[in-house]
Amino acid sequence: MPVFRTEKTSGYAVISKHHLKNRTLSYKAKGLMTFMLSVPDDWDWSLAGLATLSSAGLA
């Protein structure tokens, strides 16, 4: 299988894989944590702020 490499100058985040290897977390929790680590430090950490970027909305 060929490997395609591209220059990563924007649209990427570098995060630790620590939470992804944690077996006590669900895939849903791992996805949410990965998203939370990818947004800027001054992000609006309210339920409404999270719901604006998700199709799941407020459940």
PDB file of N, CA and C in Angstrom:
ATOM      1  N   MET A   1       0.852  -1.177   0.000  1.00  0.00           N
ATOM      2  CA  MET A   1       0.000   0.000   0.000  1.00  0.00           C
ATOM      3  C   MET A   1       0.896   1.239   0.000  1.00  0.00           C
ATOM      4  N   PRO A   2       0.678   2.166  -0.929  1.00  0.00           N
ATOM      5  CA  PRO A   2       1.527   3.354  -0.988  1.00  0.00           C
ATOM      6  C   PRO A   2       1.229   4.314   0.163  1.00  0.00           C
ATOM      7  N   VAL A   3       2.228   5.069   0.529  1.00  0.00           N
ATOM      8  CA  VAL A   3       2.094   6.091   1.575  1.00  0.00           C
ATOM      9  C   VAL A   3       2.155   7.447   0.900  1.00  0.00           C
ATOM     10  N   PHE A   4       1.155   8.276   1.140  1.00  0.00           N
ATOM     11  CA  PHE A   4       1.119   9.621   0.584  1.00  0.00           C
ATOM     12  C   PHE A   4       1.449  10.605   1.692  1.00  0.00           C
ATOM     13  N   ARG A   5       2.436  11.416   1.478  1.00  0.00           N
ATOM     14  CA  ARG A   5       2.838  12.410   2.470  1.00  0.00           C
ATOM     15  C   ARG A   5       2.532  13.801   1.926  1.00  0.00           C
ATOM     16  N   THR A   6       1.985  14.642   2.789  1.00  0.00           N
ATOM     17  CA  THR A   6       1.697  16.019   2.414  1.00  0.00           C
ATOM     18  C   THR A   6       2.309  16.937   3.445  1.00  0.00           C
ATOM     19  N   GLU A   7       2.580  18.170   3.048  1.00  0.00           N
ATOM     20  CA  GLU A   7       3.104  19.145   3.994  1.00  0.00           C
ATOM     21  C   GLU A   7       1.962  19.613   4.890  1.00  0.00           C
ATOM     22  N   LYS A   8       2.153  19.484   6.174  1.00  0.00           N
ATOM     23  CA  LYS A   8       1.103  19.822   7.138  1.00  0.00           C
ATOM     24  C   LYS A   8       1.399  21.207   7.723  1.00  0.00           C
ATOM     25  N   THR A   9       0.814  22.226   7.112  1.00  0.00           N
ATOM     26  CA  THR A   9       1.073  23.588   7.567  1.00  0.00           C
ATOM     27  C   THR A   9      -0.108  24.203   8.308  1.00  0.00           C
ATOM     28  N   SER A  10      -1.309  23.675   8.098  1.00  0.00           N
ATOM     29  CA  SER A  10      -2.472  24.194   8.815  1.00  0.00           C
ATOM     30  C   SER A  10      -3.535  23.108   8.885  1.00  0.00           C
ATOM     31  N   GLY A  11      -4.446  23.257   9.834  1.00  0.00           N
ATOM     32  CA  GLY A  11      -5.528  22.290   9.962  1.00  0.00           C
ATOM     33  C   GLY A  11      -5.139  21.030  10.716  1.00  0.00           C
ATOM     34  N   TYR A  12      -4.022  21.056  11.419  1.00  0.00           N
ATOM     35  CA  TYR A  12      -3.566  19.888  12.163  1.00  0.00           C
ATOM     36  C   TYR A  12      -3.305  20.275  13.611  1.00  0.00           C
ATOM     37  N   ALA A  13      -3.397  19.310  14.502  1.00  0.00           N
ATOM     38  CA  ALA A  13      -3.081  19.513  15.904  1.00  0.00           C
ATOM     39  C   ALA A  13      -2.134  18.414  16.351  1.00  0.00           C
ATOM     40  N   VAL A  14      -1.186  18.757  17.185  1.00  0.00           N
ATOM     41  CA  VAL A  14      -0.279  17.771  17.759  1.00  0.00           C
ATOM     42  C   VAL A  14      -0.726  17.553  19.198  1.00  0.00           C
ATOM     43  N   ILE A  15      -1.131  16.308  19.509  1.00  0.00           N
ATOM     44  CA  ILE A  15      -1.609  15.996  20.849  1.00  0.00           C
ATOM     45  C   ILE A  15      -0.940  14.719  21.344  1.00  0.00           C
ATOM     46  N   SER A  16      -0.965  14.538  22.622  1.00  0.00           N
ATOM     47  CA  SER A  16      -0.441  13.313  23.226  1.00  0.00           C
ATOM     48  C   SER A  16      -1.419  12.168  22.974  1.00  0.00           C
ATOM     49  N   LYS A  17      -0.893  10.963  22.822  1.00  0.00           N
ATOM     50  CA  LYS A  17      -1.739   9.784  22.637  1.00  0.00           C
ATOM     51  C   LYS A  17      -2.113   9.148  23.974  1.00  0.00           C
ATOM     52  N   HIS A  18      -1.758   9.784  25.069  1.00  0.00           N
ATOM     53  CA  HIS A  18      -1.989   9.215  26.393  1.00  0.00           C
ATOM     54  C   HIS A  18      -3.459   8.844  26.607  1.00  0.00           C
ATOM     55  N   HIS A  19      -4.366   9.772  26.329  1.00  0.00           N
ATOM     56  CA  HIS A  19      -5.791   9.490  26.563  1.00  0.00           C
ATOM     57  C   HIS A  19      -6.336   8.457  25.575  1.00  0.00           C
ATOM     58  N   LEU A  20      -5.733   8.353  24.389  1.00  0.00           N
ATOM     59  CA  LEU A  20      -6.203   7.373  23.416  1.00  0.00           C
ATOM     60  C   LEU A  20      -5.849   5.948  23.822  1.00  0.00           C
ATOM     61  N   LYS A  21      -4.799   5.784  24.616  1.00  0.00           N
ATOM     62  CA  LYS A  21      -4.377   4.458  25.070  1.00  0.00           C
ATOM     63  C   LYS A  21      -5.050   4.047  26.378  1.00  0.00           C
ATOM     64  N   ASN A  22      -5.792   4.943  26.981  1.00  0.00           N
ATOM     65  CA  ASN A  22      -6.455   4.677  28.258  1.00  0.00           C
ATOM     66  C   ASN A  22      -7.652   3.755  28.034  1.00  0.00           C
ATOM     67  N   ARG A  23      -7.573   2.539  28.527  1.00  0.00           N
ATOM     68  CA  ARG A  23      -8.632   1.548  28.297  1.00  0.00           C
ATOM     69  C   ARG A  23      -9.897   1.815  29.119  1.00  0.00           C
ATOM     70  N   THR A  24      -9.817   2.695  30.103  1.00  0.00           N
ATOM     71  CA  THR A  24     -11.003   2.978  30.912  1.00  0.00           C
ATOM     72  C   THR A  24     -11.922   3.999  30.250  1.00  0.00           C
ATOM     73  N   LEU A  25     -11.455   4.659  29.191  1.00  0.00           N
ATOM     74  CA  LEU A  25     -12.270   5.650  28.491  1.00  0.00           C
ATOM     75  C   LEU A  25     -12.999   5.017  27.312  1.00  0.00           C
ATOM     76  N   SER A  26     -14.235   5.439  27.090  1.00  0.00           N
ATOM     77  CA  SER A  26     -14.993   4.962  25.924  1.00  0.00           C
ATOM     78  C   SER A  26     -14.483   5.659  24.672  1.00  0.00           C
ATOM     79  N   TYR A  27     -14.855   5.122  23.505  1.00  0.00           N
ATOM     80  CA  TYR A  27     -14.482   5.785  22.256  1.00  0.00           C
ATOM     81  C   TYR A  27     -15.115   7.173  22.180  1.00  0.00           C
ATOM     82  N   LYS A  28     -16.309   7.320  22.711  1.00  0.00           N
ATOM     83  CA  LYS A  28     -16.973   8.626  22.725  1.00  0.00           C
ATOM     84  C   LYS A  28     -16.164   9.618  23.559  1.00  0.00           C
ATOM     85  N   ALA A  29     -15.701   9.182  24.727  1.00  0.00           N
ATOM     86  CA  ALA A  29     -14.899  10.053  25.588  1.00  0.00           C
ATOM     87  C   ALA A  29     -13.564  10.393  24.928  1.00  0.00           C
ATOM     88  N   LYS A  30     -12.962   9.422  24.256  1.00  0.00           N
ATOM     89  CA  LYS A  30     -11.688   9.665  23.570  1.00  0.00           C
ATOM     90  C   LYS A  30     -11.866  10.673  22.439  1.00  0.00           C
ATOM     91  N   GLY A  31     -12.955  10.575  21.708  1.00  0.00           N
ATOM     92  CA  GLY A  31     -13.229  11.524  20.637  1.00  0.00           C
ATOM     93  C   GLY A  31     -13.455  12.926  21.166  1.00  0.00           C
ATOM     94  N   LEU A  32     -14.223  13.040  22.231  1.00  0.00           N
ATOM     95  CA  LEU A  32     -14.483  14.343  22.827  1.00  0.00           C
ATOM     96  C   LEU A  32     -13.199  14.940  23.371  1.00  0.00           C
ATOM     97  N   MET A  33     -12.387  14.147  24.045  1.00  0.00           N
ATOM     98  CA  MET A  33     -11.122  14.640  24.589  1.00  0.00           C
ATOM     99  C   MET A  33     -10.188  15.094  23.470  1.00  0.00           C
ATOM    100  N   THR A  34     -10.125  14.331  22.382  1.00  0.00           N
ATOM    101  CA  THR A  34      -9.292  14.716  21.247  1.00  0.00           C
ATOM    102  C   THR A  34      -9.761  16.041  20.671  1.00  0.00           C
ATOM    103  N   PHE A  35     -11.077  16.207  20.526  1.00  0.00           N
ATOM    104  CA  PHE A  35     -11.615  17.484  20.047  1.00  0.00           C
ATOM    105  C   PHE A  35     -11.248  18.612  21.007  1.00  0.00           C
ATOM    106  N   MET A  36     -11.426  18.386  22.296  1.00  0.00           N
ATOM    107  CA  MET A  36     -11.156  19.425  23.285  1.00  0.00           C
ATOM    108  C   MET A  36      -9.691  19.858  23.270  1.00  0.00           C
ATOM    109  N   LEU A  37      -8.791  18.916  22.993  1.00  0.00           N
ATOM    110  CA  LEU A  37      -7.371  19.259  22.930  1.00  0.00           C
ATOM    111  C   LEU A  37      -6.996  19.964  21.627  1.00  0.00           C
ATOM    112  N   SER A  38      -7.876  19.940  20.632  1.00  0.00           N
ATOM    113  CA  SER A  38      -7.550  20.521  19.332  1.00  0.00           C
ATOM    114  C   SER A  38      -7.989  21.971  19.172  1.00  0.00           C
ATOM    115  N   VAL A  39      -8.824  22.461  20.054  1.00  0.00           N
ATOM    116  CA  VAL A  39      -9.333  23.831  19.908  1.00  0.00           C
ATOM    117  C   VAL A  39      -8.413  24.816  20.632  1.00  0.00           C
ATOM    118  N   PRO A  40      -8.494  26.105  20.296  1.00  0.00           N
ATOM    119  CA  PRO A  40      -7.638  27.110  20.945  1.00  0.00           C
ATOM    120  C   PRO A  40      -7.869  27.183  22.456  1.00  0.00           C
ATOM    121  N   ASP A  41      -6.870  27.701  23.146  1.00  0.00           N
ATOM    122  CA  ASP A  41      -6.935  27.794  24.609  1.00  0.00           C
ATOM    123  C   ASP A  41      -8.072  28.677  25.108  1.00  0.00           C
ATOM    124  N   ASP A  42      -8.492  29.658  24.310  1.00  0.00           N
ATOM    125  CA  ASP A  42      -9.541  30.581  24.754  1.00  0.00           C
ATOM    126  C   ASP A  42     -10.939  30.129  24.321  1.00  0.00           C
ATOM    127  N   TRP A  43     -11.102  28.847  24.037  1.00  0.00           N
ATOM    128  CA  TRP A  43     -12.381  28.304  23.565  1.00  0.00           C
ATOM    129  C   TRP A  43     -13.462  28.445  24.623  1.00  0.00           C
ATOM    130  N   ASP A  44     -14.719  28.615  24.186  1.00  0.00           N
ATOM    131  CA  ASP A  44     -15.883  28.709  25.075  1.00  0.00           C
ATOM    132  C   ASP A  44     -16.248  27.294  25.533  1.00  0.00           C
ATOM    133  N   TRP A  45     -15.879  26.931  26.755  1.00  0.00           N
ATOM    134  CA  TRP A  45     -16.103  25.572  27.268  1.00  0.00           C
ATOM    135  C   TRP A  45     -17.456  25.439  27.953  1.00  0.00           C
ATOM    136  N   SER A  46     -18.494  25.846  27.249  1.00  0.00           N
ATOM    137  CA  SER A  46     -19.852  25.644  27.758  1.00  0.00           C
ATOM    138  C   SER A  46     -20.515  24.554  26.928  1.00  0.00           C
ATOM    139  N   LEU A  47     -21.616  24.015  27.428  1.00  0.00           N
ATOM    140  CA  LEU A  47     -22.361  23.028  26.647  1.00  0.00           C
ATOM    141  C   LEU A  47     -22.856  23.630  25.346  1.00  0.00           C
ATOM    142  N   ALA A  48     -23.271  24.882  25.393  1.00  0.00           N
ATOM    143  CA  ALA A  48     -23.747  25.553  24.176  1.00  0.00           C
ATOM    144  C   ALA A  48     -22.595  25.701  23.175  1.00  0.00           C
ATOM    145  N   GLY A  49     -21.396  26.009  23.662  1.00  0.00           N
ATOM    146  CA  GLY A  49     -20.231  26.142  22.788  1.00  0.00           C
ATOM    147  C   GLY A  49     -19.884  24.830  22.113  1.00  0.00           C
ATOM    148  N   LEU A  50     -19.943  23.733  22.848  1.00  0.00           N
ATOM    149  CA  LEU A  50     -19.677  22.412  22.271  1.00  0.00           C
ATOM    150  C   LEU A  50     -20.776  22.012  21.296  1.00  0.00           C
ATOM    151  N   ALA A  51     -22.015  22.321  21.622  1.00  0.00           N
ATOM    152  CA  ALA A  51     -23.148  21.905  20.786  1.00  0.00           C
ATOM    153  C   ALA A  51     -23.134  22.606  19.429  1.00  0.00           C
ATOM    154  N   THR A  52     -22.540  23.785  19.353  1.00  0.00           N
ATOM    155  CA  THR A  52     -22.509  24.496  18.071  1.00  0.00           C
ATOM    156  C   THR A  52     -21.656  23.783  17.036  1.00  0.00           C
ATOM    157  N   LEU A  53     -20.737  22.922  17.470  1.00  0.00           N
ATOM    158  CA  LEU A  53     -19.849  22.233  16.535  1.00  0.00           C
ATOM    159  C   LEU A  53     -20.169  20.757  16.375  1.00  0.00           C
ATOM    160  N   SER A  54     -21.340  20.344  16.815  1.00  0.00           N
ATOM    161  CA  SER A  54     -21.687  18.934  16.758  1.00  0.00           C
ATOM    162  C   SER A  54     -23.095  18.742  16.220  1.00  0.00           C
ATOM    163  N   SER A  55     -23.286  17.668  15.488  1.00  0.00           N
ATOM    164  CA  SER A  55     -24.634  17.355  15.023  1.00  0.00           C
ATOM    165  C   SER A  55     -25.474  16.736  16.136  1.00  0.00           C
ATOM    166  N   ALA A  56     -24.826  16.305  17.231  1.00  0.00           N
ATOM    167  CA  ALA A  56     -25.543  15.675  18.336  1.00  0.00           C
ATOM    168  C   ALA A  56     -26.351  16.696  19.142  1.00  0.00           C
ATOM    169  N   GLY A  57     -25.899  17.954  19.141  1.00  0.00           N
ATOM    170  CA  GLY A  57     -26.596  18.989  19.910  1.00  0.00           C
ATOM    171  C   GLY A  57     -26.530  18.711  21.403  1.00  0.00           C
ATOM    172  N   LEU A  58     -27.463  19.301  22.142  1.00  0.00           N
ATOM    173  CA  LEU A  58     -27.559  19.078  23.587  1.00  0.00           C
ATOM    174  C   LEU A  58     -28.509  17.924  23.845  1.00  0.00           C
ATOM    175  N   ALA A  59     -28.000  16.888  24.438  1.00  0.00           N
ATOM    176  CA  ALA A  59     -28.861  15.710  24.684  1.00  0.00           C
ATOM    177  C   ALA A  59     -29.276  15.630  26.126  1.00  0.00           C
TER     178      ALA A  59
END
